[in-house]
Amino acid sequence: METTRKKVGNDGEYFAQNFLKQEKWKILDTNVRLPWNDEIDIVARDIDGTLVFIEVKTVTGNYLKPEDQMTSTKIKKCMRAGEWYANHFPKLVNEKIGWRIDCVALRKIGDTYQINHYKQIIS
């Protein structure tokens, strides 16, 4: 049985995928399980050709900001996950452009989402 928190997260990831597709991005993979029991939410290709690993954060209501869930620990995990994926699938990485990590932050209020897309959260 799916918990409410898990359902909110899954719905947010689905919404984020559709948002990216509308922006003409190509979704390459979703929910990639990593050897150390972590996950990449979305692997996509930006319209400029960059391989992008996307962390999706979704909250409901007005109390918390989804961006606040991107802690330094979570960012380090995203970096490690991106390095692992890029090393295991080097043909997906454009040598001139490289890869990056983005965050799609969603706030669900009722049946609608407010969305913020933060590109290259690590420099």
PDB file of N, CA and C in Angstrom:
ATOM      1  N   MET A   1       0.839  -1.188   0.000  1.00  0.00           N
ATOM      2  CA  MET A   1       0.000   0.000   0.000  1.00  0.00           C
ATOM      3  C   MET A   1       0.885   1.254   0.000  1.00  0.00           C
ATOM      4  N   GLU A   2       0.533   2.193  -0.830  1.00  0.00           N
ATOM      5  CA  GLU A   2       1.306   3.420  -0.985  1.00  0.00           C
ATOM      6  C   GLU A   2       0.928   4.424   0.101  1.00  0.00           C
ATOM      7  N   THR A   3       1.933   4.992   0.770  1.00  0.00           N
ATOM      8  CA  THR A   3       1.669   5.999   1.788  1.00  0.00           C
ATOM      9  C   THR A   3       1.326   7.327   1.122  1.00  0.00           C
ATOM     10  N   THR A   4       0.724   8.226   1.873  1.00  0.00           N
ATOM     11  CA  THR A   4       0.372   9.542   1.344  1.00  0.00           C
ATOM     12  C   THR A   4       1.622  10.279   0.880  1.00  0.00           C
ATOM     13  N   ARG A   5       2.684  10.219   1.671  1.00  0.00           N
ATOM     14  CA  ARG A   5       3.935  10.900   1.327  1.00  0.00           C
ATOM     15  C   ARG A   5       4.501  10.349   0.015  1.00  0.00           C
ATOM     16  N   LYS A   6       4.483   9.020  -0.126  1.00  0.00           N
ATOM     17  CA  LYS A   6       4.988   8.385  -1.343  1.00  0.00           C
ATOM     18  C   LYS A   6       4.135   8.779  -2.551  1.00  0.00           C
ATOM     19  N   LYS A   7       2.830   8.840  -2.371  1.00  0.00           N
ATOM     20  CA  LYS A   7       1.927   9.225  -3.462  1.00  0.00           C
ATOM     21  C   LYS A   7       2.193  10.664  -3.892  1.00  0.00           C
ATOM     22  N   VAL A   8       2.362  11.554  -2.940  1.00  0.00           N
ATOM     23  CA  VAL A   8       2.671  12.959  -3.262  1.00  0.00           C
ATOM     24  C   VAL A   8       3.970  13.022  -4.060  1.00  0.00           C
ATOM     25  N   GLY A   9       4.988  12.270  -3.625  1.00  0.00           N
ATOM     26  CA  GLY A   9       6.268  12.257  -4.332  1.00  0.00           C
ATOM     27  C   GLY A   9       6.151  11.690  -5.737  1.00  0.00           C
ATOM     28  N   ASN A  10       5.443  10.575  -5.876  1.00  0.00           N
ATOM     29  CA  ASN A  10       5.264   9.961  -7.195  1.00  0.00           C
ATOM     30  C   ASN A  10       4.487  10.876  -8.136  1.00  0.00           C
ATOM     31  N   ASP A  11       3.421  11.484  -7.613  1.00  0.00           N
ATOM     32  CA  ASP A  11       2.634  12.418  -8.435  1.00  0.00           C
ATOM     33  C   ASP A  11       3.488  13.611  -8.864  1.00  0.00           C
ATOM     34  N   GLY A  12       4.326  14.103  -7.952  1.00  0.00           N
ATOM     35  CA  GLY A  12       5.208  15.223  -8.268  1.00  0.00           C
ATOM     36  C   GLY A  12       6.217  14.866  -9.352  1.00  0.00           C
ATOM     37  N   GLU A  13       6.780  13.666  -9.271  1.00  0.00           N
ATOM     38  CA  GLU A  13       7.735  13.233 -10.286  1.00  0.00           C
ATOM     39  C   GLU A  13       7.060  13.112 -11.655  1.00  0.00           C
ATOM     40  N   TYR A  14       5.861  12.601 -11.674  1.00  0.00           N
ATOM     41  CA  TYR A  14       5.105  12.488 -12.927  1.00  0.00           C
ATOM     42  C   TYR A  14       4.832  13.885 -13.507  1.00  0.00           C
ATOM     43  N   PHE A  15       4.421  14.827 -12.652  1.00  0.00           N
ATOM     44  CA  PHE A  15       4.162  16.195 -13.096  1.00  0.00           C
ATOM     45  C   PHE A  15       5.450  16.822 -13.629  1.00  0.00           C
ATOM     46  N   ALA A  16       6.562  16.601 -12.922  1.00  0.00           N
ATOM     47  CA  ALA A  16       7.845  17.164 -13.346  1.00  0.00           C
ATOM     48  C   ALA A  16       8.250  16.622 -14.716  1.00  0.00           C
ATOM     49  N   GLN A  17       8.032  15.332 -14.952  1.00  0.00           N
ATOM     50  CA  GLN A  17       8.348  14.747 -16.256  1.00  0.00           C
ATOM     51  C   GLN A  17       7.535  15.427 -17.357  1.00  0.00           C
ATOM     52  N   ASN A  18       6.261  15.610 -17.121  1.00  0.00           N
ATOM     53  CA  ASN A  18       5.407  16.266 -18.121  1.00  0.00           C
ATOM     54  C   ASN A  18       5.825  17.709 -18.350  1.00  0.00           C
ATOM     55  N   PHE A  19       6.192  18.410 -17.281  1.00  0.00           N
ATOM     56  CA  PHE A  19       6.683  19.783 -17.394  1.00  0.00           C
ATOM     57  C   PHE A  19       7.917  19.828 -18.302  1.00  0.00           C
ATOM     58  N   LEU A  20       8.875  18.919 -18.056  1.00  0.00           N
ATOM     59  CA  LEU A  20      10.097  18.898 -18.848  1.00  0.00           C
ATOM     60  C   LEU A  20       9.810  18.557 -20.312  1.00  0.00           C
ATOM     61  N   LYS A  21       8.911  17.627 -20.547  1.00  0.00           N
ATOM     62  CA  LYS A  21       8.535  17.283 -21.923  1.00  0.00           C
ATOM     63  C   LYS A  21       7.927  18.482 -22.644  1.00  0.00           C
ATOM     64  N   GLN A  22       7.114  19.259 -21.929  1.00  0.00           N
ATOM     65  CA  GLN A  22       6.530  20.464 -22.531  1.00  0.00           C
ATOM     66  C   GLN A  22       7.612  21.478 -22.884  1.00  0.00           C
ATOM     67  N   GLU A  23       8.711  21.446 -22.137  1.00  0.00           N
ATOM     68  CA  GLU A  23       9.847  22.330 -22.404  1.00  0.00           C
ATOM     69  C   GLU A  23      10.766  21.763 -23.490  1.00  0.00           C
ATOM     70  N   LYS A  24      10.326  20.661 -24.115  1.00  0.00           N
ATOM     71  CA  LYS A  24      11.051  20.008 -25.223  1.00  0.00           C
ATOM     72  C   LYS A  24      12.280  19.223 -24.766  1.00  0.00           C
ATOM     73  N   TRP A  25      12.296  18.823 -23.497  1.00  0.00           N
ATOM     74  CA  TRP A  25      13.355  17.962 -22.999  1.00  0.00           C
ATOM     75  C   TRP A  25      13.019  16.521 -23.328  1.00  0.00           C
ATOM     76  N   LYS A  26      14.053  15.678 -23.388  1.00  0.00           N
ATOM     77  CA  LYS A  26      13.857  14.252 -23.608  1.00  0.00           C
ATOM     78  C   LYS A  26      14.108  13.519 -22.288  1.00  0.00           C
ATOM     79  N   ILE A  27      13.124  12.761 -21.839  1.00  0.00           N
ATOM     80  CA  ILE A  27      13.278  11.953 -20.626  1.00  0.00           C
ATOM     81  C   ILE A  27      13.975  10.659 -21.025  1.00  0.00           C
ATOM     82  N   LEU A  28      15.124  10.391 -20.418  1.00  0.00           N
ATOM     83  CA  LEU A  28      15.903   9.200 -20.746  1.00  0.00           C
ATOM     84  C   LEU A  28      15.641   8.051 -19.774  1.00  0.00           C
ATOM     85  N   ASP A  29      15.405   8.384 -18.513  1.00  0.00           N
ATOM     86  CA  ASP A  29      15.206   7.354 -17.496  1.00  0.00           C
ATOM     87  C   ASP A  29      14.553   7.986 -16.275  1.00  0.00           C
ATOM     88  N   THR A  30      13.884   7.158 -15.494  1.00  0.00           N
ATOM     89  CA  THR A  30      13.265   7.641 -14.252  1.00  0.00           C
ATOM     90  C   THR A  30      13.486   6.609 -13.153  1.00  0.00           C
ATOM     91  N   ASN A  31      13.506   7.093 -11.954  1.00  0.00           N
ATOM     92  CA  ASN A  31      13.631   6.257 -10.755  1.00  0.00           C
ATOM     93  C   ASN A  31      14.768   5.239 -10.879  1.00  0.00           C
ATOM     94  N   VAL A  32      15.951   5.741 -11.181  1.00  0.00           N
ATOM     95  CA  VAL A  32      17.126   4.887 -11.355  1.00  0.00           C
ATOM     96  C   VAL A  32      17.650   4.481  -9.972  1.00  0.00           C
ATOM     97  N   ARG A  33      17.587   3.189  -9.687  1.00  0.00           N
ATOM     98  CA  ARG A  33      18.084   2.662  -8.420  1.00  0.00           C
ATOM     99  C   ARG A  33      19.595   2.513  -8.500  1.00  0.00           C
ATOM    100  N   LEU A  34      20.285   2.995  -7.483  1.00  0.00           N
ATOM    101  CA  LEU A  34      21.737   2.956  -7.453  1.00  0.00           C
ATOM    102  C   LEU A  34      22.208   1.865  -6.490  1.00  0.00           C
ATOM    103  N   PRO A  35      23.444   1.403  -6.651  1.00  0.00           N
ATOM    104  CA  PRO A  35      23.927   0.281  -5.833  1.00  0.00           C
ATOM    105  C   PRO A  35      23.863   0.526  -4.324  1.00  0.00           C
ATOM    106  N   TRP A  36      23.960   1.756  -3.884  1.00  0.00           N
ATOM    107  CA  TRP A  36      23.962   2.040  -2.448  1.00  0.00           C
ATOM    108  C   TRP A  36      22.567   2.432  -1.944  1.00  0.00           C
ATOM    109  N   ASN A  37      21.533   1.961  -2.628  1.00  0.00           N
ATOM    110  CA  ASN A  37      20.132   2.138  -2.212  1.00  0.00           C
ATOM    111  C   ASN A  37      19.694   3.599  -2.239  1.00  0.00           C
ATOM    112  N   ASP A  38      20.130   4.304  -3.247  1.00  0.00           N
ATOM    113  CA  ASP A  38      19.664   5.664  -3.481  1.00  0.00           C
ATOM    114  C   ASP A  38      19.020   5.682  -4.856  1.00  0.00           C
ATOM    115  N   GLU A  39      18.548   6.853  -5.289  1.00  0.00           N
ATOM    116  CA  GLU A  39      17.797   6.911  -6.529  1.00  0.00           C
ATOM    117  C   GLU A  39      17.996   8.248  -7.229  1.00  0.00           C
ATOM    118  N   ILE A  40      18.015   8.201  -8.556  1.00  0.00           N
ATOM    119  CA  ILE A  40      17.949   9.416  -9.369  1.00  0.00           C
ATOM    120  C   ILE A  40      16.510   9.509  -9.845  1.00  0.00           C
ATOM    121  N   ASP A  41      15.838  10.630  -9.538  1.00  0.00           N
ATOM    122  CA  ASP A  41      14.425  10.758  -9.901  1.00  0.00           C
ATOM    123  C   ASP A  41      14.219  10.771 -11.411  1.00  0.00           C
ATOM    124  N   ILE A  42      14.935  11.654 -12.100  1.00  0.00           N
ATOM    125  CA  ILE A  42      14.779  11.783 -13.552  1.00  0.00           C
ATOM    126  C   ILE A  42      16.151  11.999 -14.187  1.00  0.00           C
ATOM    127  N   VAL A  43      16.396  11.274 -15.266  1.00  0.00           N
ATOM    128  CA  VAL A  43      17.561  11.518 -16.113  1.00  0.00           C
ATOM    129  C   VAL A  43      16.994  12.035 -17.428  1.00  0.00           C
ATOM    130  N   ALA A  44      17.464  13.214 -17.854  1.00  0.00           N
ATOM    131  CA  ALA A  44      16.890  13.830 -19.050  1.00  0.00           C
ATOM    132  C   ALA A  44      17.978  14.511 -19.869  1.00  0.00           C
ATOM    133  N   ARG A  45      17.598  14.870 -21.085  1.00  0.00           N
ATOM    134  CA  ARG A  45      18.482  15.654 -21.935  1.00  0.00           C
ATOM    135  C   ARG A  45      17.833  17.002 -22.181  1.00  0.00           C
ATOM    136  N   ASP A  46      18.539  18.061 -21.778  1.00  0.00           N
ATOM    137  CA  ASP A  46      18.091  19.435 -22.003  1.00  0.00           C
ATOM    138  C   ASP A  46      18.096  19.703 -23.510  1.00  0.00           C
ATOM    139  N   ILE A  47      17.392  20.724 -23.934  1.00  0.00           N
ATOM    140  CA  ILE A  47      17.334  21.026 -25.372  1.00  0.00           C
ATOM    141  C   ILE A  47      18.701  21.414 -25.935  1.00  0.00           C
ATOM    142  N   ASP A  48      19.639  21.826 -25.075  1.00  0.00           N
ATOM    143  CA  ASP A  48      20.988  22.157 -25.557  1.00  0.00           C
ATOM    144  C   ASP A  48      21.897  20.928 -25.626  1.00  0.00           C
ATOM    145  N   GLY A  49      21.376  19.750 -25.261  1.00  0.00           N
ATOM    146  CA  GLY A  49      22.142  18.510 -25.335  1.00  0.00           C
ATOM    147  C   GLY A  49      22.762  18.056 -24.033  1.00  0.00           C
ATOM    148  N   THR A  50      22.652  18.857 -22.986  1.00  0.00           N
ATOM    149  CA  THR A  50      23.250  18.501 -21.704  1.00  0.00           C
ATOM    150  C   THR A  50      22.499  17.345 -21.053  1.00  0.00           C
ATOM    151  N   LEU A  51      23.254  16.376 -20.527  1.00  0.00           N
ATOM    152  CA  LEU A  51      22.672  15.311 -19.717  1.00  0.00           C
ATOM    153  C   LEU A  51      22.389  15.893 -18.342  1.00  0.00           C
ATOM    154  N   VAL A  52      21.153  15.730 -17.863  1.00  0.00           N
ATOM    155  CA  VAL A  52      20.748  16.367 -16.605  1.00  0.00           C
ATOM    156  C   VAL A  52      20.144  15.329 -15.664  1.00  0.00           C
ATOM    157  N   PHE A  53      20.615  15.355 -14.419  1.00  0.00           N
ATOM    158  CA  PHE A  53      20.053  14.523 -13.359  1.00  0.00           C
ATOM    159  C   PHE A  53      19.168  15.436 -12.519  1.00  0.00           C
ATOM    160  N   ILE A  54      17.903  15.054 -12.387  1.00  0.00           N
ATOM    161  CA  ILE A  54      16.935  15.949 -11.761  1.00  0.00           C
ATOM    162  C   ILE A  54      16.405  15.345 -10.474  1.00  0.00           C
ATOM    163  N   GLU A  55      16.537  16.099  -9.409  1.00  0.00           N
ATOM    164  CA  GLU A  55      15.953  15.749  -8.116  1.00  0.00           C
ATOM    165  C   GLU A  55      14.628  16.495  -8.024  1.00  0.00           C
ATOM    166  N   VAL A  56      13.564  15.762  -7.773  1.00  0.00           N
ATOM    167  CA  VAL A  56      12.236  16.360  -7.660  1.00  0.00           C
ATOM    168  C   VAL A  56      11.855  16.418  -6.187  1.00  0.00           C
ATOM    169  N   LYS A  57      11.463  17.596  -5.739  1.00  0.00           N
ATOM    170  CA  LYS A  57      11.003  17.790  -4.364  1.00  0.00           C
ATOM    171  C   LYS A  57       9.582  18.320  -4.418  1.00  0.00           C
ATOM    172  N   THR A  58       8.672  17.634  -3.732  1.00  0.00           N
ATOM    173  CA  THR A  58       7.262  18.003  -3.755  1.00  0.00           C
ATOM    174  C   THR A  58       6.739  18.132  -2.340  1.00  0.00           C
ATOM    175  N   VAL A  59       6.019  19.217  -2.077  1.00  0.00           N
ATOM    176  CA  VAL A  59       5.343  19.401  -0.792  1.00  0.00           C
ATOM    177  C   VAL A  59       3.892  19.782  -1.069  1.00  0.00           C
ATOM    178  N   THR A  60       3.065  19.603  -0.055  1.00  0.00           N
ATOM    179  CA  THR A  60       1.665  20.023  -0.154  1.00  0.00           C
ATOM    180  C   THR A  60       1.441  21.166   0.828  1.00  0.00           C
ATOM    181  N   GLY A  61       0.542  22.052   0.478  1.00  0.00           N
ATOM    182  CA  GLY A  61       0.184  23.160   1.361  1.00  0.00           C
ATOM    183  C   GLY A  61       1.173  24.300   1.317  1.00  0.00           C
ATOM    184  N   ASN A  62       0.998  25.217   2.257  1.00  0.00           N
ATOM    185  CA  ASN A  62       1.788  26.455   2.286  1.00  0.00           C
ATOM    186  C   ASN A  62       2.831  26.502   3.389  1.00  0.00           C
ATOM    187  N   TYR A  63       3.075  25.415   4.077  1.00  0.00           N
ATOM    188  CA  TYR A  63       3.913  25.467   5.271  1.00  0.00           C
ATOM    189  C   TYR A  63       5.399  25.359   4.989  1.00  0.00           C
ATOM    190  N   LEU A  64       5.761  24.503   4.050  1.00  0.00           N
ATOM    191  CA  LEU A  64       7.172  24.281   3.750  1.00  0.00           C
ATOM    192  C   LEU A  64       7.468  24.648   2.304  1.00  0.00           C
ATOM    193  N   LYS A  65       8.714  24.998   2.052  1.00  0.00           N
ATOM    194  CA  LYS A  65       9.156  25.212   0.676  1.00  0.00           C
ATOM    195  C   LYS A  65       9.874  23.944   0.224  1.00  0.00           C
ATOM    196  N   PRO A  66       9.533  23.420  -0.950  1.00  0.00           N
ATOM    197  CA  PRO A  66      10.214  22.201  -1.394  1.00  0.00           C
ATOM    198  C   PRO A  66      11.720  22.399  -1.546  1.00  0.00           C
ATOM    199  N   GLU A  67      12.137  23.608  -1.882  1.00  0.00           N
ATOM    200  CA  GLU A  67      13.565  23.907  -2.045  1.00  0.00           C
ATOM    201  C   GLU A  67      14.345  23.656  -0.763  1.00  0.00           C
ATOM    202  N   ASP A  68      13.681  23.838   0.387  1.00  0.00           N
ATOM    203  CA  ASP A  68      14.354  23.661   1.668  1.00  0.00           C
ATOM    204  C   ASP A  68      14.757  22.207   1.915  1.00  0.00           C
ATOM    205  N   GLN A  69      14.188  21.290   1.156  1.00  0.00           N
ATOM    206  CA  GLN A  69      14.543  19.880   1.299  1.00  0.00           C
ATOM    207  C   GLN A  69      15.855  19.536   0.596  1.00  0.00           C
ATOM    208  N   MET A  70      16.391  20.456  -0.176  1.00  0.00           N
ATOM    209  CA  MET A  70      17.671  20.228  -0.851  1.00  0.00           C
ATOM    210  C   MET A  70      18.814  20.619   0.090  1.00  0.00           C
ATOM    211  N   THR A  71      19.050  19.764   1.052  1.00  0.00           N
ATOM    212  CA  THR A  71      20.103  19.987   2.041  1.00  0.00           C
ATOM    213  C   THR A  71      21.473  19.718   1.417  1.00  0.00           C
ATOM    214  N   SER A  72      22.517  20.115   2.112  1.00  0.00           N
ATOM    215  CA  SER A  72      23.868  19.849   1.606  1.00  0.00           C
ATOM    216  C   SER A  72      24.114  18.347   1.501  1.00  0.00           C
ATOM    217  N   THR A  73      23.547  17.565   2.404  1.00  0.00           N
ATOM    218  CA  THR A  73      23.683  16.112   2.329  1.00  0.00           C
ATOM    219  C   THR A  73      23.005  15.571   1.083  1.00  0.00           C
ATOM    220  N   LYS A  74      21.810  16.063   0.777  1.00  0.00           N
ATOM    221  CA  LYS A  74      21.086  15.606  -0.414  1.00  0.00           C
ATOM    222  C   LYS A  74      21.832  16.013  -1.681  1.00  0.00           C
ATOM    223  N   ILE A  75      22.385  17.206  -1.705  1.00  0.00           N
ATOM    224  CA  ILE A  75      23.146  17.669  -2.863  1.00  0.00           C
ATOM    225  C   ILE A  75      24.372  16.783  -3.083  1.00  0.00           C
ATOM    226  N   LYS A  76      25.067  16.389  -2.006  1.00  0.00           N
ATOM    227  CA  LYS A  76      26.215  15.488  -2.129  1.00  0.00           C
ATOM    228  C   LYS A  76      25.785  14.138  -2.692  1.00  0.00           C
ATOM    229  N   LYS A  77      24.631  13.641  -2.246  1.00  0.00           N
ATOM    230  CA  LYS A  77      24.111  12.373  -2.772  1.00  0.00           C
ATOM    231  C   LYS A  77      23.805  12.493  -4.257  1.00  0.00           C
ATOM    232  N   CYS A  78      23.235  13.621  -4.662  1.00  0.00           N
ATOM    233  CA  CYS A  78      22.927  13.848  -6.075  1.00  0.00           C
ATOM    234  C   CYS A  78      24.205  13.883  -6.902  1.00  0.00           C
ATOM    235  N   MET A  79      25.226  14.506  -6.374  1.00  0.00           N
ATOM    236  CA  MET A  79      26.502  14.597  -7.071  1.00  0.00           C
ATOM    237  C   MET A  79      27.111  13.211  -7.244  1.00  0.00           C
ATOM    238  N   ARG A  80      27.094  12.431  -6.183  1.00  0.00           N
ATOM    239  CA  ARG A  80      27.640  11.068  -6.241  1.00  0.00           C
ATOM    240  C   ARG A  80      26.848  10.221  -7.242  1.00  0.00           C
ATOM    241  N   ALA A  81      25.520  10.375  -7.241  1.00  0.00           N
ATOM    242  CA  ALA A  81      24.663   9.628  -8.165  1.00  0.00           C
ATOM    243  C   ALA A  81      24.943  10.031  -9.615  1.00  0.00           C
ATOM    244  N   GLY A  82      25.081  11.340  -9.858  1.00  0.00           N
ATOM    245  CA  GLY A  82      25.381  11.814 -11.201  1.00  0.00           C
ATOM    246  C   GLY A  82      26.717  11.296 -11.702  1.00  0.00           C
ATOM    247  N   GLU A  83      27.725  11.316 -10.839  1.00  0.00           N
ATOM    248  CA  GLU A  83      29.040  10.807 -11.218  1.00  0.00           C
ATOM    249  C   GLU A  83      28.964   9.318 -11.552  1.00  0.00           C
ATOM    250  N   TRP A  84      28.237   8.565 -10.739  1.00  0.00           N
ATOM    251  CA  TRP A  84      28.089   7.124 -10.990  1.00  0.00           C
ATOM    252  C   TRP A  84      27.428   6.890 -12.345  1.00  0.00           C
ATOM    253  N   TYR A  85      26.314   7.569 -12.595  1.00  0.00           N
ATOM    254  CA  TYR A  85      25.571   7.363 -13.835  1.00  0.00           C
ATOM    255  C   TYR A  85      26.415   7.770 -15.039  1.00  0.00           C
ATOM    256  N   ALA A  86      27.037   8.929 -14.966  1.00  0.00           N
ATOM    257  CA  ALA A  86      27.854   9.418 -16.083  1.00  0.00           C
ATOM    258  C   ALA A  86      29.020   8.472 -16.369  1.00  0.00           C
ATOM    259  N   ASN A  87      29.596   7.882 -15.342  1.00  0.00           N
ATOM    260  CA  ASN A  87      30.702   6.941 -15.529  1.00  0.00           C
ATOM    261  C   ASN A  87      30.217   5.610 -16.105  1.00  0.00           C
ATOM    262  N   HIS A  88      29.003   5.206 -15.776  1.00  0.00           N
ATOM    263  CA  HIS A  88      28.469   3.949 -16.281  1.00  0.00           C
ATOM    264  C   HIS A  88      27.843   4.072 -17.680  1.00  0.00           C
ATOM    265  N   PHE A  89      27.475   5.276 -18.058  1.00  0.00           N
ATOM    266  CA  PHE A  89      26.868   5.512 -19.372  1.00  0.00           C
ATOM    267  C   PHE A  89      27.558   6.700 -20.055  1.00  0.00           C
ATOM    268  N   PRO A  90      28.858   6.584 -20.299  1.00  0.00           N
ATOM    269  CA  PRO A  90      29.615   7.727 -20.823  1.00  0.00           C
ATOM    270  C   PRO A  90      29.163   8.208 -22.196  1.00  0.00           C
ATOM    271  N   LYS A  91      28.552   7.329 -22.992  1.00  0.00           N
ATOM    272  CA  LYS A  91      28.106   7.744 -24.321  1.00  0.00           C
ATOM    273  C   LYS A  91      26.953   8.750 -24.256  1.00  0.00           C
ATOM    274  N   LEU A  92      26.292   8.846 -23.106  1.00  0.00           N
ATOM    275  CA  LEU A  92      25.199   9.809 -22.947  1.00  0.00           C
ATOM    276  C   LEU A  92      25.700  11.218 -22.631  1.00  0.00           C
ATOM    277  N   VAL A  93      26.967  11.313 -22.255  1.00  0.00           N
ATOM    278  CA  VAL A  93      27.535  12.607 -21.856  1.00  0.00           C
ATOM    279  C   VAL A  93      28.227  13.256 -23.049  1.00  0.00           C
ATOM    280  N   ASN A  94      27.793  14.443 -23.394  1.00  0.00           N
ATOM    281  CA  ASN A  94      28.441  15.234 -24.437  1.00  0.00           C
ATOM    282  C   ASN A  94      29.728  15.801 -23.834  1.00  0.00           C
ATOM    283  N   GLU A  95      30.866  15.435 -24.406  1.00  0.00           N
ATOM    284  CA  GLU A  95      32.151  15.839 -23.844  1.00  0.00           C
ATOM    285  C   GLU A  95      32.331  17.353 -23.780  1.00  0.00           C
ATOM    286  N   LYS A  96      31.729  18.077 -24.699  1.00  0.00           N
ATOM    287  CA  LYS A  96      31.867  19.532 -24.712  1.00  0.00           C
ATOM    288  C   LYS A  96      30.983  20.206 -23.670  1.00  0.00           C
ATOM    289  N   ILE A  97      29.833  19.590 -23.392  1.00  0.00           N
ATOM    290  CA  ILE A  97      28.853  20.208 -22.491  1.00  0.00           C
ATOM    291  C   ILE A  97      28.889  19.596 -21.093  1.00  0.00           C
ATOM    292  N   GLY A  98      29.111  18.303 -21.016  1.00  0.00           N
ATOM    293  CA  GLY A  98      29.138  17.611 -19.726  1.00  0.00           C
ATOM    294  C   GLY A  98      27.739  17.284 -19.218  1.00  0.00           C
ATOM    295  N   TRP A  99      27.603  17.276 -17.907  1.00  0.00           N
ATOM    296  CA  TRP A  99      26.321  16.986 -17.276  1.00  0.00           C
ATOM    297  C   TRP A  99      26.133  17.914 -16.093  1.00  0.00           C
ATOM    298  N   ARG A 100      24.899  17.954 -15.589  1.00  0.00           N
ATOM    299  CA  ARG A 100      24.618  18.824 -14.453  1.00  0.00           C
ATOM    300  C   ARG A 100      23.481  18.234 -13.619  1.00  0.00           C
ATOM    301  N   ILE A 101      23.268  18.865 -12.479  1.00  0.00           N
ATOM    302  CA  ILE A 101      22.189  18.460 -11.577  1.00  0.00           C
ATOM    303  C   ILE A 101      21.229  19.625 -11.414  1.00  0.00           C
ATOM    304  N   ASP A 102      19.939  19.346 -11.629  1.00  0.00           N
ATOM    305  CA  ASP A 102      18.869  20.330 -11.461  1.00  0.00           C
ATOM    306  C   ASP A 102      17.943  19.870 -10.347  1.00  0.00           C
ATOM    307  N   CYS A 103      17.149  20.805  -9.871  1.00  0.00           N
ATOM    308  CA  CYS A 103      16.087  20.501  -8.916  1.00  0.00           C
ATOM    309  C   CYS A 103      14.779  21.075  -9.455  1.00  0.00           C
ATOM    310  N   VAL A 104      13.759  20.237  -9.492  1.00  0.00           N
ATOM    311  CA  VAL A 104      12.417  20.714  -9.806  1.00  0.00           C
ATOM    312  C   VAL A 104      11.650  20.697  -8.492  1.00  0.00           C
ATOM    313  N   ALA A 105      11.267  21.875  -8.035  1.00  0.00           N
ATOM    314  CA  ALA A 105      10.578  22.033  -6.752  1.00  0.00           C
ATOM    315  C   ALA A 105       9.098  22.298  -7.008  1.00  0.00           C
ATOM    316  N   LEU A 106       8.260  21.465  -6.421  1.00  0.00           N
ATOM    317  CA  LEU A 106       6.818  21.557  -6.639  1.00  0.00           C
ATOM    318  C   LEU A 106       6.086  21.755  -5.324  1.00  0.00           C
ATOM    319  N   ARG A 107       5.135  22.651  -5.346  1.00  0.00           N
ATOM    320  CA  ARG A 107       4.229  22.844  -4.215  1.00  0.00           C
ATOM    321  C   ARG A 107       2.829  22.542  -4.726  1.00  0.00           C
ATOM    322  N   LYS A 108       2.217  21.514  -4.153  1.00  0.00           N
ATOM    323  CA  LYS A 108       0.870  21.134  -4.560  1.00  0.00           C
ATOM    324  C   LYS A 108      -0.132  21.782  -3.625  1.00  0.00           C
ATOM    325  N   ILE A 109      -1.007  22.569  -4.217  1.00  0.00           N
ATOM    326  CA  ILE A 109      -2.095  23.206  -3.456  1.00  0.00           C
ATOM    327  C   ILE A 109      -3.391  22.821  -4.157  1.00  0.00           C
ATOM    328  N   GLY A 110      -4.183  22.007  -3.500  1.00  0.00           N
ATOM    329  CA  GLY A 110      -5.398  21.495  -4.137  1.00  0.00           C
ATOM    330  C   GLY A 110      -5.013  20.593  -5.283  1.00  0.00           C
ATOM    331  N   ASP A 111      -5.532  20.885  -6.460  1.00  0.00           N
ATOM    332  CA  ASP A 111      -5.229  20.079  -7.641  1.00  0.00           C
ATOM    333  C   ASP A 111      -4.197  20.727  -8.550  1.00  0.00           C
ATOM    334  N   THR A 112      -3.568  21.809  -8.103  1.00  0.00           N
ATOM    335  CA  THR A 112      -2.608  22.512  -8.951  1.00  0.00           C
ATOM    336  C   THR A 112      -1.212  22.473  -8.334  1.00  0.00           C
ATOM    337  N   TYR A 113      -0.222  22.696  -9.183  1.00  0.00           N
ATOM    338  CA  TYR A 113       1.173  22.734  -8.740  1.00  0.00           C
ATOM    339  C   TYR A 113       1.781  24.090  -9.056  1.00  0.00           C
ATOM    340  N   GLN A 114       2.569  24.580  -8.130  1.00  0.00           N
ATOM    341  CA  GLN A 114       3.465  25.702  -8.396  1.00  0.00           C
ATOM    342  C   GLN A 114       4.827  25.064  -8.642  1.00  0.00           C
ATOM    343  N   ILE A 115       5.506  25.502  -9.670  1.00  0.00           N
ATOM    344  CA  ILE A 115       6.757  24.841 -10.045  1.00  0.00           C
ATOM    345  C   ILE A 115       7.901  25.837 -10.153  1.00  0.00           C
ATOM    346  N   ASN A 116       9.055  25.429  -9.634  1.00  0.00           N
ATOM    347  CA  ASN A 116      10.295  26.171  -9.799  1.00  0.00           C
ATOM    348  C   ASN A 116      11.349  25.183 -10.281  1.00  0.00           C
ATOM    349  N   HIS A 117      12.018  25.533 -11.369  1.00  0.00           N
ATOM    350  CA  HIS A 117      13.063  24.678 -11.924  1.00  0.00           C
ATOM    351  C   HIS A 117      14.398  25.381 -11.706  1.00  0.00           C
ATOM    352  N   TYR A 118      15.229  24.779 -10.880  1.00  0.00           N
ATOM    353  CA  TYR A 118      16.555  25.327 -10.577  1.00  0.00           C
ATOM    354  C   TYR A 118      17.591  24.543 -11.366  1.00  0.00           C
ATOM    355  N   LYS A 119      18.268  25.229 -12.268  1.00  0.00           N
ATOM    356  CA  LYS A 119      19.267  24.581 -13.110  1.00  0.00           C
ATOM    357  C   LYS A 119      20.654  24.705 -12.489  1.00  0.00           C
ATOM    358  N   GLN A 120      21.404  23.636 -12.620  1.00  0.00           N
ATOM    359  CA  GLN A 120      22.791  23.557 -12.148  1.00  0.00           C
ATOM    360  C   GLN A 120      22.906  24.005 -10.685  1.00  0.00           C
ATOM    361  N   ILE A 121      22.353  23.193  -9.818  1.00  0.00           N
ATOM    362  CA  ILE A 121      22.370  23.548  -8.397  1.00  0.00           C
ATOM    363  C   ILE A 121      23.744  23.390  -7.770  1.00  0.00           C
ATOM    364  N   ILE A 122      24.668  22.763  -8.506  1.00  0.00           N
ATOM    365  CA  ILE A 122      26.038  22.631  -8.048  1.00  0.00           C
ATOM    366  C   ILE A 122      26.924  23.280  -9.087  1.00  0.00           C
ATOM    367  N   SER A 123      27.841  24.129  -8.636  1.00  0.00           N
ATOM    368  CA  SER A 123      28.737  24.737  -9.624  1.00  0.00           C
ATOM    369  C   SER A 123      30.169  24.281  -9.421  1.00  0.00           C
TER     370      SER A 123
END
